[in-house]
Amino acid sequence: MNTNFDNARFTVTYSRNCDGGVQEMAAAAKCIRDVFPNSQIVSERTNSFPIKVIISVQDERDGDKKIVWSGKQQNLFEKYQSKRTKCMQRIKSKLVDLQKQQADSTTTKDNNTAQEQRQTIPTTRRTSLSSPTITSERRASVASLVALPVHA
């Protein structure tokens, strides 16, 4: 998914339950805001059972929704503070994973673009030109190593 999630559209789906479920939706939205402060958050309230909260993000390219996290709505009840805290930590962890995934896909895309650019640069063939100076110096150094017969 090559979406920039900083401005992404997240959907929080939650059950109406007895009291409306707004506190649980607000807790999920807070987690999203902590990781993606500029994102758009839309809430969808259902009357389905068992009651659960689903956080999804919309892919800007094809409009498909990807579920980021899903869990029991009861775990976000304020009266179960320790469950709520742990659940919110898990939600944030999933959102951070999504953020890293997006960063990795951006890096991979940048690397692929750089590789394509390197492939389009024409390569020049390296040629070496013989130099009479170097050749003469090489001959002189070889001659000094080899004992040449002295002609009298």
Foldseek 3Di string as FASTA:
>chain_A
DQDDQLAWEKEKEWECPPPGLVQLSVLLVVLCCVLRVNYHYHYHYDNDPPIKIWIWIADPPPRDIDTQDIDRSVLCDVVNVVSNVVVSVVSNVSVVVVVVVNVVVVVVVVVVVVVVVVVPDDDDDDDDDDDPVVVVVVVVVVPVVDDDDDDD
